[in-house]
Amino acid sequence: MSPIKVLLVDDEEELVSTLAERLALRGIHADWTTRPEDALRRLEVCKYDVAVLDVKIPRMNGIELKKEMEKKCAHTKFIFLTGHGSEQDFREGSQEAGPEFYLVKPVNIEDLMEKINQLLGR
């Protein structure tokens, strides 16, 4: 079985860099960026199994980014994050990824691992 590849996109650099390190310790290849444009460029050189997207990203929100990513890489699965936990954020995120693939920050790494494994049927 090939290693899982995850792309983390959030404007909080400390969060995504830390999550990438923790996923790497669990054998998952994790790239990260704080900019939606970079995420779209990364899809041109690397195919990801899962993209973890913040719902509220400057310049392009997570829902818009998901739609653009799907055009480039239809097999990628999505998990949404939010730091706000508002009802509106939940509705937006859960409509796009399903309520089971929506996490509120701060993200527990074990919860994230569980969601990744669920998405990929592992």
N, C-alpha and C. Protein backbone atom coordinates (compact mmCIF):
# COMPACT_ATOMS: atom_id res chain seq x y z
N MET A 1 0.85 -1.18 0.00
CA MET A 1 0.00 0.00 0.00
C MET A 1 0.90 1.25 0.00
N SER A 2 0.62 2.18 -0.91
CA SER A 2 1.45 3.38 -0.99
C SER A 2 1.12 4.34 0.15
N PRO A 3 2.10 5.17 0.52
CA PRO A 3 1.85 6.10 1.62
C PRO A 3 0.75 7.09 1.28
N ILE A 4 0.02 7.50 2.30
CA ILE A 4 -1.04 8.50 2.15
C ILE A 4 -0.39 9.86 1.95
N LYS A 5 -0.92 10.63 0.99
CA LYS A 5 -0.43 11.99 0.74
C LYS A 5 -1.53 12.98 1.10
N VAL A 6 -1.18 13.92 1.97
CA VAL A 6 -2.13 14.91 2.46
C VAL A 6 -1.61 16.31 2.18
N LEU A 7 -2.50 17.20 1.77
CA LEU A 7 -2.18 18.61 1.60
C LEU A 7 -2.98 19.39 2.64
N LEU A 8 -2.29 20.18 3.44
CA LEU A 8 -2.90 21.01 4.47
C LEU A 8 -2.89 22.46 4.01
N VAL A 9 -4.04 23.12 4.05
CA VAL A 9 -4.13 24.51 3.62
C VAL A 9 -4.86 25.32 4.70
N ASP A 10 -4.12 26.24 5.31
CA ASP A 10 -4.67 27.09 6.36
C ASP A 10 -3.80 28.32 6.45
N ASP A 11 -4.38 29.47 6.75
CA ASP A 11 -3.59 30.69 6.85
C ASP A 11 -2.79 30.76 8.14
N GLU A 12 -2.96 29.81 9.03
CA GLU A 12 -2.19 29.76 10.28
C GLU A 12 -0.99 28.83 10.07
N GLU A 13 0.17 29.43 9.77
CA GLU A 13 1.36 28.65 9.44
C GLU A 13 1.77 27.70 10.55
N GLU A 14 1.70 28.15 11.78
CA GLU A 14 2.10 27.29 12.90
C GLU A 14 1.21 26.04 12.97
N LEU A 15 -0.07 26.21 12.73
CA LEU A 15 -1.00 25.08 12.77
C LEU A 15 -0.66 24.06 11.70
N VAL A 16 -0.55 24.49 10.44
CA VAL A 16 -0.34 23.52 9.36
C VAL A 16 1.05 22.90 9.40
N SER A 17 2.05 23.65 9.80
CA SER A 17 3.38 23.07 9.88
C SER A 17 3.44 22.02 11.00
N THR A 18 2.79 22.31 12.12
CA THR A 18 2.75 21.35 13.23
C THR A 18 1.96 20.10 12.85
N LEU A 19 0.81 20.28 12.21
CA LEU A 19 0.02 19.12 11.77
C LEU A 19 0.81 18.27 10.78
N ALA A 20 1.54 18.92 9.87
CA ALA A 20 2.35 18.18 8.90
C ALA A 20 3.41 17.33 9.61
N GLU A 21 4.06 17.91 10.61
CA GLU A 21 5.07 17.17 11.38
C GLU A 21 4.44 15.97 12.09
N ARG A 22 3.29 16.18 12.70
CA ARG A 22 2.63 15.10 13.45
C ARG A 22 2.13 14.01 12.51
N LEU A 23 1.65 14.38 11.33
CA LEU A 23 1.23 13.37 10.37
C LEU A 23 2.44 12.58 9.86
N ALA A 24 3.56 13.27 9.64
CA ALA A 24 4.78 12.60 9.18
C ALA A 24 5.24 11.55 10.19
N LEU A 25 5.09 11.85 11.47
CA LEU A 25 5.46 10.89 12.52
C LEU A 25 4.59 9.64 12.46
N ARG A 26 3.43 9.74 11.82
CA ARG A 26 2.51 8.61 11.69
C ARG A 26 2.58 7.98 10.29
N GLY A 27 3.65 8.34 9.55
CA GLY A 27 3.88 7.72 8.26
C GLY A 27 3.10 8.32 7.10
N ILE A 28 2.57 9.50 7.29
CA ILE A 28 1.79 10.16 6.23
C ILE A 28 2.63 11.28 5.63
N HIS A 29 2.72 11.29 4.29
CA HIS A 29 3.40 12.38 3.59
C HIS A 29 2.47 13.59 3.61
N ALA A 30 2.89 14.67 4.26
CA ALA A 30 2.04 15.85 4.39
C ALA A 30 2.77 17.10 3.92
N ASP A 31 2.20 17.77 2.93
CA ASP A 31 2.68 19.07 2.49
C ASP A 31 1.72 20.11 3.05
N TRP A 32 2.18 21.34 3.15
CA TRP A 32 1.31 22.39 3.65
C TRP A 32 1.59 23.71 2.96
N THR A 33 0.60 24.57 2.98
CA THR A 33 0.74 25.93 2.48
C THR A 33 -0.28 26.82 3.19
N THR A 34 0.00 28.10 3.19
CA THR A 34 -0.92 29.07 3.78
C THR A 34 -1.69 29.83 2.71
N ARG A 35 -1.41 29.51 1.43
CA ARG A 35 -2.02 30.25 0.33
C ARG A 35 -2.77 29.33 -0.62
N PRO A 36 -4.02 29.64 -0.92
CA PRO A 36 -4.81 28.80 -1.83
C PRO A 36 -4.17 28.66 -3.21
N GLU A 37 -3.53 29.74 -3.71
CA GLU A 37 -2.90 29.68 -5.02
C GLU A 37 -1.79 28.63 -5.04
N ASP A 38 -1.02 28.56 -3.95
CA ASP A 38 0.04 27.56 -3.86
C ASP A 38 -0.54 26.14 -3.84
N ALA A 39 -1.67 25.99 -3.17
CA ALA A 39 -2.31 24.67 -3.11
C ALA A 39 -2.67 24.22 -4.52
N LEU A 40 -3.22 25.10 -5.32
CA LEU A 40 -3.59 24.75 -6.69
C LEU A 40 -2.36 24.41 -7.53
N ARG A 41 -1.27 25.15 -7.34
CA ARG A 41 -0.03 24.85 -8.06
C ARG A 41 0.54 23.49 -7.66
N ARG A 42 0.44 23.16 -6.38
CA ARG A 42 0.99 21.88 -5.90
C ARG A 42 0.27 20.69 -6.54
N LEU A 43 -0.99 20.87 -6.88
CA LEU A 43 -1.74 19.78 -7.52
C LEU A 43 -1.17 19.42 -8.88
N GLU A 44 -0.44 20.35 -9.50
CA GLU A 44 0.13 20.08 -10.81
C GLU A 44 1.31 19.12 -10.73
N VAL A 45 1.96 19.04 -9.57
CA VAL A 45 3.13 18.17 -9.45
C VAL A 45 2.92 16.99 -8.50
N CYS A 46 1.92 17.05 -7.68
CA CYS A 46 1.69 15.97 -6.72
C CYS A 46 0.20 15.71 -6.57
N LYS A 47 -0.17 14.46 -6.62
CA LYS A 47 -1.56 14.08 -6.40
C LYS A 47 -1.74 13.74 -4.92
N TYR A 48 -2.76 14.31 -4.33
CA TYR A 48 -3.02 14.10 -2.90
C TYR A 48 -4.24 13.23 -2.71
N ASP A 49 -4.18 12.38 -1.69
CA ASP A 49 -5.32 11.54 -1.33
C ASP A 49 -6.36 12.37 -0.59
N VAL A 50 -5.86 13.25 0.29
CA VAL A 50 -6.74 14.06 1.14
C VAL A 50 -6.21 15.50 1.18
N ALA A 51 -7.13 16.45 1.12
CA ALA A 51 -6.80 17.85 1.35
C ALA A 51 -7.57 18.31 2.58
N VAL A 52 -6.84 18.92 3.51
CA VAL A 52 -7.43 19.45 4.74
C VAL A 52 -7.44 20.97 4.58
N LEU A 53 -8.65 21.54 4.46
CA LEU A 53 -8.80 22.95 4.13
C LEU A 53 -9.50 23.73 5.22
N ASP A 54 -8.94 24.89 5.54
CA ASP A 54 -9.62 25.81 6.44
C ASP A 54 -10.81 26.41 5.71
N VAL A 55 -11.95 26.51 6.36
CA VAL A 55 -13.14 27.10 5.74
C VAL A 55 -12.89 28.57 5.43
N LYS A 56 -12.22 29.28 6.33
CA LYS A 56 -11.99 30.72 6.17
C LYS A 56 -10.52 30.99 5.85
N ILE A 57 -10.20 31.06 4.55
CA ILE A 57 -8.85 31.39 4.10
C ILE A 57 -8.95 32.71 3.34
N PRO A 58 -8.04 33.66 3.58
CA PRO A 58 -8.07 34.91 2.82
C PRO A 58 -7.89 34.65 1.31
N ARG A 59 -8.49 35.46 0.50
CA ARG A 59 -8.41 35.45 -0.96
C ARG A 59 -9.28 34.40 -1.63
N MET A 60 -9.47 33.25 -1.01
CA MET A 60 -10.32 32.19 -1.56
C MET A 60 -10.70 31.29 -0.40
N ASN A 61 -12.00 31.18 -0.09
CA ASN A 61 -12.34 30.36 1.08
C ASN A 61 -12.18 28.87 0.76
N GLY A 62 -12.25 28.06 1.78
CA GLY A 62 -12.03 26.62 1.62
C GLY A 62 -13.01 25.94 0.69
N ILE A 63 -14.25 26.42 0.66
CA ILE A 63 -15.28 25.84 -0.21
C ILE A 63 -14.91 26.12 -1.68
N GLU A 64 -14.54 27.36 -1.96
CA GLU A 64 -14.13 27.73 -3.33
C GLU A 64 -12.87 26.96 -3.74
N LEU A 65 -11.93 26.85 -2.81
CA LEU A 65 -10.69 26.13 -3.10
C LEU A 65 -10.98 24.66 -3.42
N LYS A 66 -11.87 24.05 -2.67
CA LYS A 66 -12.24 22.66 -2.93
C LYS A 66 -12.76 22.50 -4.36
N LYS A 67 -13.62 23.39 -4.77
CA LYS A 67 -14.20 23.29 -6.12
C LYS A 67 -13.13 23.42 -7.19
N GLU A 68 -12.17 24.31 -6.99
CA GLU A 68 -11.07 24.46 -7.94
C GLU A 68 -10.16 23.23 -7.93
N MET A 69 -9.91 22.69 -6.75
CA MET A 69 -9.04 21.51 -6.63
C MET A 69 -9.68 20.31 -7.31
N GLU A 70 -10.99 20.17 -7.18
CA GLU A 70 -11.68 19.03 -7.79
C GLU A 70 -11.55 19.04 -9.31
N LYS A 71 -11.43 20.22 -9.90
CA LYS A 71 -11.25 20.31 -11.35
C LYS A 71 -9.91 19.72 -11.77
N LYS A 72 -8.91 19.84 -10.92
CA LYS A 72 -7.57 19.36 -11.24
C LYS A 72 -7.32 17.93 -10.80
N CYS A 73 -8.01 17.52 -9.75
CA CYS A 73 -7.72 16.21 -9.16
C CYS A 73 -8.99 15.66 -8.52
N ALA A 74 -9.80 15.02 -9.32
CA ALA A 74 -11.14 14.58 -8.89
C ALA A 74 -11.12 13.53 -7.79
N HIS A 75 -10.03 12.77 -7.66
CA HIS A 75 -10.03 11.70 -6.65
C HIS A 75 -9.71 12.18 -5.23
N THR A 76 -9.25 13.42 -5.07
CA THR A 76 -8.89 13.93 -3.75
C THR A 76 -10.12 14.04 -2.87
N LYS A 77 -9.98 13.60 -1.61
CA LYS A 77 -11.04 13.71 -0.60
C LYS A 77 -10.75 14.94 0.25
N PHE A 78 -11.80 15.45 0.94
CA PHE A 78 -11.64 16.70 1.67
C PHE A 78 -12.11 16.61 3.12
N ILE A 79 -11.36 17.32 3.97
CA ILE A 79 -11.73 17.54 5.36
C ILE A 79 -11.65 19.05 5.57
N PHE A 80 -12.66 19.61 6.22
CA PHE A 80 -12.68 21.05 6.48
C PHE A 80 -12.38 21.33 7.95
N LEU A 81 -11.68 22.45 8.17
CA LEU A 81 -11.36 22.92 9.51
C LEU A 81 -11.94 24.31 9.69
N THR A 82 -12.29 24.64 10.91
CA THR A 82 -12.65 26.02 11.23
C THR A 82 -12.22 26.35 12.65
N GLY A 83 -11.84 27.59 12.83
CA GLY A 83 -11.49 28.07 14.16
C GLY A 83 -12.66 28.78 14.80
N HIS A 84 -13.71 28.96 14.03
CA HIS A 84 -14.84 29.74 14.52
C HIS A 84 -15.94 28.88 15.11
N GLY A 85 -16.20 27.75 14.50
CA GLY A 85 -17.21 26.85 15.01
C GLY A 85 -18.62 27.41 14.94
N SER A 86 -18.84 28.39 14.03
CA SER A 86 -20.17 28.97 13.93
C SER A 86 -21.10 28.03 13.19
N GLU A 87 -22.38 28.23 13.35
CA GLU A 87 -23.37 27.42 12.66
C GLU A 87 -23.22 27.58 11.14
N GLN A 88 -22.96 28.79 10.68
CA GLN A 88 -22.78 29.04 9.24
C GLN A 88 -21.57 28.26 8.71
N ASP A 89 -20.44 28.32 9.41
CA ASP A 89 -19.25 27.57 8.99
C ASP A 89 -19.55 26.09 8.95
N PHE A 90 -20.26 25.61 9.95
CA PHE A 90 -20.59 24.19 9.99
C PHE A 90 -21.43 23.80 8.78
N ARG A 91 -22.45 24.59 8.48
CA ARG A 91 -23.32 24.28 7.34
C ARG A 91 -22.52 24.26 6.04
N GLU A 92 -21.65 25.27 5.84
CA GLU A 92 -20.85 25.32 4.62
C GLU A 92 -19.91 24.13 4.53
N GLY A 93 -19.19 23.86 5.60
CA GLY A 93 -18.23 22.76 5.59
C GLY A 93 -18.89 21.42 5.49
N SER A 94 -19.97 21.22 6.21
CA SER A 94 -20.61 19.91 6.21
C SER A 94 -21.37 19.64 4.92
N GLN A 95 -21.84 20.68 4.24
CA GLN A 95 -22.49 20.47 2.94
C GLN A 95 -21.46 20.00 1.92
N GLU A 96 -20.25 20.50 2.00
CA GLU A 96 -19.22 20.15 1.03
C GLU A 96 -18.54 18.82 1.32
N ALA A 97 -18.27 18.55 2.58
CA ALA A 97 -17.51 17.35 2.92
C ALA A 97 -18.31 16.34 3.73
N GLY A 98 -19.47 16.72 4.18
CA GLY A 98 -20.23 15.86 5.08
C GLY A 98 -19.87 16.21 6.50
N PRO A 99 -20.83 16.19 7.42
CA PRO A 99 -20.55 16.61 8.79
C PRO A 99 -19.49 15.75 9.48
N GLU A 100 -19.32 14.52 9.02
CA GLU A 100 -18.31 13.66 9.65
C GLU A 100 -16.89 14.04 9.24
N PHE A 101 -16.72 14.90 8.25
CA PHE A 101 -15.39 15.30 7.80
C PHE A 101 -15.17 16.80 7.97
N TYR A 102 -15.57 17.25 9.14
CA TYR A 102 -15.49 18.66 9.50
C TYR A 102 -14.96 18.71 10.93
N LEU A 103 -13.86 19.44 11.15
CA LEU A 103 -13.26 19.52 12.48
C LEU A 103 -13.14 20.97 12.93
N VAL A 104 -13.33 21.19 14.22
CA VAL A 104 -13.16 22.51 14.82
C VAL A 104 -11.76 22.58 15.43
N LYS A 105 -11.08 23.71 15.21
CA LYS A 105 -9.75 23.92 15.81
C LYS A 105 -9.91 24.22 17.29
N PRO A 106 -8.95 23.90 18.11
CA PRO A 106 -7.69 23.25 17.77
C PRO A 106 -7.91 21.78 17.39
N VAL A 107 -7.17 21.34 16.41
CA VAL A 107 -7.35 20.00 15.85
C VAL A 107 -6.59 18.98 16.67
N ASN A 108 -7.29 17.95 17.09
CA ASN A 108 -6.67 16.82 17.77
C ASN A 108 -6.13 15.90 16.68
N ILE A 109 -4.85 15.59 16.73
CA ILE A 109 -4.21 14.81 15.67
C ILE A 109 -4.84 13.42 15.52
N GLU A 110 -5.27 12.84 16.62
CA GLU A 110 -5.90 11.52 16.53
C GLU A 110 -7.26 11.60 15.83
N ASP A 111 -8.00 12.68 16.08
CA ASP A 111 -9.27 12.88 15.37
C ASP A 111 -9.02 13.06 13.88
N LEU A 112 -7.99 13.82 13.54
CA LEU A 112 -7.66 14.02 12.13
C LEU A 112 -7.26 12.70 11.48
N MET A 113 -6.45 11.92 12.17
CA MET A 113 -6.04 10.60 11.63
C MET A 113 -7.27 9.71 11.41
N GLU A 114 -8.18 9.73 12.35
CA GLU A 114 -9.40 8.92 12.23
C GLU A 114 -10.20 9.34 10.99
N LYS A 115 -10.33 10.65 10.78
CA LYS A 115 -11.08 11.16 9.62
C LYS A 115 -10.38 10.77 8.31
N ILE A 116 -9.07 10.90 8.27
CA ILE A 116 -8.31 10.53 7.07
C ILE A 116 -8.53 9.05 6.76
N ASN A 117 -8.39 8.23 7.76
CA ASN A 117 -8.58 6.77 7.57
C ASN A 117 -10.00 6.44 7.13
N GLN A 118 -10.99 7.12 7.71
CA GLN A 118 -12.38 6.91 7.31
C GLN A 118 -12.59 7.26 5.84
N LEU A 119 -12.08 8.42 5.45
CA LEU A 119 -12.23 8.88 4.07
C LEU A 119 -11.63 7.89 3.08
N LEU A 120 -10.50 7.32 3.46
CA LEU A 120 -9.78 6.44 2.55
C LEU A 120 -10.15 4.97 2.74
N GLY A 121 -11.11 4.72 3.62
CA GLY A 121 -11.57 3.34 3.83
C GLY A 121 -10.52 2.42 4.43
N ARG A 122 -9.70 2.97 5.33
CA ARG A 122 -8.63 2.17 5.96
C ARG A 122 -8.97 1.87 7.40
